[in-house]
C-alpha atoms as a PDB file:
ATOM      1  CA  MET A   1     -14.417  -4.511  16.808  1.00  0.00           C
ATOM      2  CA  GLY A   2     -11.789  -7.139  17.497  1.00  0.00           C
ATOM      3  CA  GLY A   3      -8.137  -7.002  18.244  1.00  0.00           C
ATOM      4  CA  ASP A   4      -6.102  -4.654  20.324  1.00  0.00           C
ATOM      5  CA  ASP A   5      -3.003  -2.394  20.090  1.00  0.00           C
ATOM      6  CA  LYS A   6      -0.804  -5.479  20.153  1.00  0.00           C
ATOM      7  CA  ASP A   7      -2.545  -7.531  17.476  1.00  0.00           C
ATOM      8  CA  GLY A   8      -4.048  -4.660  15.490  1.00  0.00           C
ATOM      9  CA  TYR A   9      -7.668  -3.710  15.103  1.00  0.00           C
ATOM     10  CA  TYR A  10     -10.067  -5.543  12.793  1.00  0.00           C
ATOM     11  CA  CYS A  11     -13.810  -5.938  12.323  1.00  0.00           C
ATOM     12  CA  SER A  12     -15.009  -8.977  14.280  1.00  0.00           C
ATOM     13  CA  ILE A  13     -17.651  -9.562  11.609  1.00  0.00           C
ATOM     14  CA  CYS A  14     -15.744  -9.277   8.292  1.00  0.00           C
ATOM     15  CA  GLY A  15     -12.097  -9.094   9.391  1.00  0.00           C
ATOM     16  CA  GLY A  16     -11.555  -5.787   7.590  1.00  0.00           C
ATOM     17  CA  ILE A  17     -10.733  -2.352   8.908  1.00  0.00           C
ATOM     18  CA  PRO A  18     -13.308  -1.152  11.432  1.00  0.00           C
ATOM     19  CA  PRO A  19     -15.210   1.951  10.227  1.00  0.00           C
ATOM     20  CA  ASP A  20     -13.953   4.075  13.141  1.00  0.00           C
ATOM     21  CA  ARG A  21     -10.329   3.316  12.067  1.00  0.00           C
ATOM     22  CA  ILE A  22     -10.604   4.346   8.409  1.00  0.00           C
ATOM     23  CA  LYS A  23      -8.568   7.460   7.707  1.00  0.00           C
ATOM     24  CA  THR A  24      -9.284   7.641   3.946  1.00  0.00           C
ATOM     25  CA  LYS A  25     -10.783  10.804   2.479  1.00  0.00           C
ATOM     26  CA  MET A  26     -12.107  11.245  -0.996  1.00  0.00           C
ATOM     27  CA  ILE A  27     -10.908  14.051  -3.266  1.00  0.00           C
ATOM     28  CA  PRO A  28     -11.533  14.586  -6.968  1.00  0.00           C
ATOM     29  CA  VAL A  29      -8.491  13.633  -9.065  1.00  0.00           C
ATOM     30  CA  ASP A  30      -8.880  14.153 -12.789  1.00  0.00           C
ATOM     31  CA  GLY A  31     -12.638  14.262 -12.370  1.00  0.00           C
ATOM     32  CA  LYS A  32     -12.964  11.023 -10.347  1.00  0.00           C
ATOM     33  CA  ASP A  33     -13.386  10.737  -6.575  1.00  0.00           C
ATOM     34  CA  THR A  34     -10.215   9.068  -5.282  1.00  0.00           C
ATOM     35  CA  GLY A  35      -9.482   7.868  -1.800  1.00  0.00           C
ATOM     36  CA  ILE A  36      -6.339   9.218  -0.126  1.00  0.00           C
ATOM     37  CA  ASP A  37      -5.322   7.483   3.104  1.00  0.00           C
ATOM     38  CA  GLN A  38      -4.122   9.726   5.898  1.00  0.00           C
ATOM     39  CA  LEU A  39      -4.913  12.892   3.954  1.00  0.00           C
ATOM     40  CA  ASP A  40      -5.432  15.052   7.080  1.00  0.00           C
ATOM     41  CA  TRP A  41      -2.075  14.002   8.409  1.00  0.00           C
ATOM     42  CA  ILE A  42      -0.384  14.632   5.017  1.00  0.00           C
ATOM     43  CA  LEU A  43      -1.879  18.151   4.863  1.00  0.00           C
ATOM     44  CA  SER A  44      -0.963  19.062   8.425  1.00  0.00           C
ATOM     45  CA  GLU A  45       2.598  17.806   8.030  1.00  0.00           C
ATOM     46  CA  VAL A  46       3.139  19.864   4.869  1.00  0.00           C
ATOM     47  CA  LYS A  47       1.648  22.897   6.528  1.00  0.00           C
ATOM     48  CA  LYS A  48       4.321  22.653   9.288  1.00  0.00           C
ATOM     49  CA  LEU A  49       6.992  23.142   6.618  1.00  0.00           C
ATOM     50  CA  ASN A  50       5.804  26.704   5.857  1.00  0.00           C
ATOM     51  CA  LEU A  51       6.667  26.368   2.195  1.00  0.00           C
ATOM     52  CA  ALA A  52       5.992  29.318  -0.143  1.00  0.00           C
ATOM     53  CA  SER A  53       6.045  27.957  -3.677  1.00  0.00           C
ATOM     54  CA  ASP A  54       3.264  25.833  -5.180  1.00  0.00           C
ATOM     55  CA  ALA A  55       5.933  23.520  -6.703  1.00  0.00           C
ATOM     56  CA  ALA A  56       7.549  22.843  -3.317  1.00  0.00           C
ATOM     57  CA  ILE A  57       4.188  22.304  -1.643  1.00  0.00           C
ATOM     58  CA  THR A  58       3.022  19.966  -4.401  1.00  0.00           C
ATOM     59  CA  GLY A  59       6.274  18.022  -4.208  1.00  0.00           C
ATOM     60  CA  GLU A  60       5.959  17.465  -0.476  1.00  0.00           C
ATOM     61  CA  LEU A  61       2.269  16.582  -0.738  1.00  0.00           C
ATOM     62  CA  LEU A  62       3.055  13.995  -3.393  1.00  0.00           C
ATOM     63  CA  LYS A  63       6.005  12.594  -1.520  1.00  0.00           C
ATOM     64  CA  ARG A  64       3.855  11.872   1.540  1.00  0.00           C
ATOM     65  CA  THR A  65       0.881  10.703  -0.434  1.00  0.00           C
ATOM     66  CA  MET A  66       2.976   8.245  -2.470  1.00  0.00           C
ATOM     67  CA  ALA A  67       4.483   6.851   0.707  1.00  0.00           C
ATOM     68  CA  LEU A  68       0.996   5.846   1.935  1.00  0.00           C
ATOM     69  CA  ASN A  69      -1.013   5.451  -1.301  1.00  0.00           C
ATOM     70  CA  TYR A  70      -0.693   4.119  -4.793  1.00  0.00           C
ATOM     71  CA  VAL A  71      -0.290   6.975  -7.281  1.00  0.00           C
ATOM     72  CA  PRO A  72      -0.161   5.889 -10.927  1.00  0.00           C
ATOM     73  CA  THR A  73       2.866   7.444 -12.746  1.00  0.00           C
ATOM     74  CA  LYS A  74       0.622   8.712 -15.561  1.00  0.00           C
ATOM     75  CA  LYS A  75      -1.678  10.438 -13.046  1.00  0.00           C
ATOM     76  CA  LYS A  76       1.056  12.011 -10.851  1.00  0.00           C
ATOM     77  CA  GLU A  77       0.465  15.523 -12.223  1.00  0.00           C
ATOM     78  CA  ALA A  78      -3.278  15.219 -11.745  1.00  0.00           C
ATOM     79  CA  TYR A  79      -2.773  13.958  -8.167  1.00  0.00           C
ATOM     80  CA  GLY A  80      -0.459  16.879  -7.511  1.00  0.00           C
ATOM     81  CA  ALA A  81      -3.004  19.424  -8.732  1.00  0.00           C
ATOM     82  CA  ALA A  82      -5.772  17.790  -6.703  1.00  0.00           C
ATOM     83  CA  LEU A  83      -3.645  17.651  -3.579  1.00  0.00           C
ATOM     84  CA  LEU A  84      -2.588  21.277  -3.948  1.00  0.00           C
ATOM     85  CA  ALA A  85      -6.269  22.339  -4.314  1.00  0.00           C
ATOM     86  CA  GLU A  86      -7.169  20.281  -1.198  1.00  0.00           C
ATOM     87  CA  TYR A  87      -4.231  21.834   0.648  1.00  0.00           C
ATOM     88  CA  ARG A  88      -5.492  25.342  -0.180  1.00  0.00           C
ATOM     89  CA  LYS A  89      -8.926  24.421   1.218  1.00  0.00           C
ATOM     90  CA  PHE A  90      -7.267  22.968   4.283  1.00  0.00           C
ATOM     91  CA  LEU A  91      -5.394  26.238   4.919  1.00  0.00           C
ATOM     92  CA  GLN A  92      -8.587  28.258   4.625  1.00  0.00           C
ATOM     93  CA  GLU A  93     -10.490  26.004   6.982  1.00  0.00           C
ATOM     94  CA  SER A  94      -7.695  25.701   9.582  1.00  0.00           C
ATOM     95  CA  GLY A  95      -6.869  29.408   9.548  1.00  0.00           C
END
């Protein structure tokens, strides 16, 4: 791995993101595995809000996801459903 905190980290072989720095997780969106960058952070931040309604939770999940990832307008509803399902799994696993 090349680089440092000042210059940023990069793979010294290919120049891309080093494998240990990748924070992208795959979730099924509309039947296709889709990478969501910083998903664990997104889920934990929304959990801190202690929201009760699915609509509010989905809105916050989408807001954070769209700030860090490309979400096609036509697939926004599918992303919201997939993120909500992932959020529910996250809550069960984290207790």
